Protein backbone atom coordinates (compact mmCIF):
# COMPACT_ATOMS: atom_id res chain seq x y z
CA MET A 1 131.71 67.36 110.57
CA GLN A 2 129.46 69.64 107.94
CA ALA A 3 127.43 67.99 105.15
CA ASP A 4 128.94 69.72 101.50
CA VAL A 5 125.58 71.84 100.33
CA PRO A 6 125.89 72.39 96.60
CA VAL A 7 125.89 75.97 95.67
CA LYS A 8 124.05 76.70 92.65
CA LEU A 9 124.60 79.44 90.80
CA ASN A 10 122.21 81.65 87.95
CA LEU A 11 122.65 81.38 84.20
CA PRO A 12 124.10 84.55 83.18
CA ASN A 13 121.99 86.77 81.58
CA ALA A 14 119.16 85.29 82.93
CA ASP A 15 117.10 88.43 83.75
CA ALA A 16 117.91 90.27 80.80
CA ILE A 17 116.94 88.08 77.80
CA LEU A 18 113.34 87.29 80.20
CA VAL A 19 113.23 91.31 79.89
CA LEU A 20 114.31 91.81 76.31
CA GLY A 21 112.01 88.49 75.65
CA ILE A 22 109.00 90.77 77.02
CA LEU A 23 109.48 93.83 75.80
CA SER A 24 109.92 92.41 72.19
CA ILE A 25 106.10 91.70 73.09
CA GLY A 26 105.80 94.92 73.63
CA LEU A 27 107.32 96.46 71.24
CA SER A 28 106.17 94.68 68.47
CA PHE A 29 103.02 97.10 68.51
CA ALA A 30 105.21 100.29 68.13
CA ALA A 31 105.95 99.79 64.59
CA GLY A 32 107.32 95.62 64.28
CA LEU A 33 111.13 96.75 63.86
CA PRO A 34 112.19 97.65 67.83
CA GLY A 35 110.42 94.15 68.40
CA LEU A 36 112.39 92.31 66.10
CA ILE A 37 115.53 93.81 67.66
CA SER A 38 114.69 93.19 71.04
CA ALA A 39 113.60 89.52 70.19
CA PHE A 40 117.05 88.99 67.71
CA ILE A 41 119.55 90.08 71.03
CA ALA A 42 117.43 87.74 73.69
CA LEU A 43 117.88 84.72 71.52
CA LYS A 44 121.63 85.49 70.87
CA LEU A 45 122.12 85.82 74.36
CA SER A 46 119.91 82.61 75.47
CA LYS A 47 122.64 80.56 73.11
CA LYS A 48 125.52 80.54 76.26
CA PRO A 49 123.44 80.44 79.49
CA ASN A 50 121.55 77.11 77.18
CA GLU A 51 125.25 75.26 76.46
CA LEU A 52 125.78 75.83 79.86
CA TYR A 53 122.80 74.42 81.30
CA LYS A 54 123.08 71.46 79.08
CA TYR A 55 126.39 70.51 80.25
CA ALA A 56 125.97 71.00 83.65
CA PRO A 57 122.37 71.07 84.67
CA GLU A 58 123.20 70.21 88.62
CA LEU A 59 125.43 73.39 89.28
CA TYR A 60 122.53 75.98 88.15
CA HIS A 61 119.25 76.90 89.80
CA ASN A 62 116.00 75.50 87.63
CA SER A 63 114.38 79.27 87.98
CA SER A 64 117.33 80.76 86.32
CA PHE A 65 116.91 78.02 83.40
CA GLY A 66 112.67 78.90 83.90
CA LYS A 67 113.84 82.53 83.47
CA ILE A 68 116.01 81.94 79.76
CA GLN A 69 113.20 79.23 78.29
CA ALA A 70 110.02 82.08 79.20
CA GLY A 71 112.46 84.49 77.50
CA ILE A 72 112.71 82.34 74.57
CA ILE A 73 109.12 81.77 74.25
CA THR A 74 108.28 85.56 74.80
CA ALA A 75 110.89 86.25 72.26
CA TRP A 76 109.66 84.02 69.33
CA ILE A 77 106.43 85.30 69.99
CA GLY A 78 107.47 89.05 69.86
CA ILE A 79 109.05 88.03 66.53
CA VAL A 80 105.74 86.61 64.95
CA LEU A 81 103.77 89.92 65.88
CA SER A 82 106.44 92.28 65.13
CA VAL A 83 106.31 90.39 61.71
CA LEU A 84 102.60 90.06 61.51
CA VAL A 85 102.61 93.86 62.22
CA LEU A 86 104.80 94.90 59.51
CA LEU A 87 103.10 92.66 57.10
CA THR A 88 99.89 94.48 57.99
CA ALA A 89 101.39 97.85 57.49
CA LEU A 90 103.06 96.83 54.41
CA VAL A 91 99.54 96.06 52.70
CA LEU A 92 98.01 99.29 54.14
CA TYR A 93 100.48 101.25 52.54
CA LEU A 94 100.35 99.17 49.25
CA PHE A 95 96.47 99.44 49.31
CA PHE A 96 96.06 102.99 50.33
CA SER A 97 98.88 104.21 47.65
CA SER A 98 97.15 102.26 45.09
CA ILE A 99 94.08 104.17 45.85
CA ALA A 100 95.42 107.78 45.97
């Protein structure tokens, strides 16, 4: 007799979400806007896999869920950094344009 071994699946887009979240941090220092775009894409892509895991966690690897959670966290960090960079650029622009 063969024992039933459950086959666990990877959640869809787990690697892409993690990569986009990490990229959002790096791109936030480039100009701010690319970081925001990649962070929002990562957050948008993470909705469906989160729902899939919520309804049937026994079907999926914990590691792929961890990648999605890490991608979400890094995306939020990227959003905060991008907003700070954009606000700093705006303040500097207004300051130096008032001097000239």
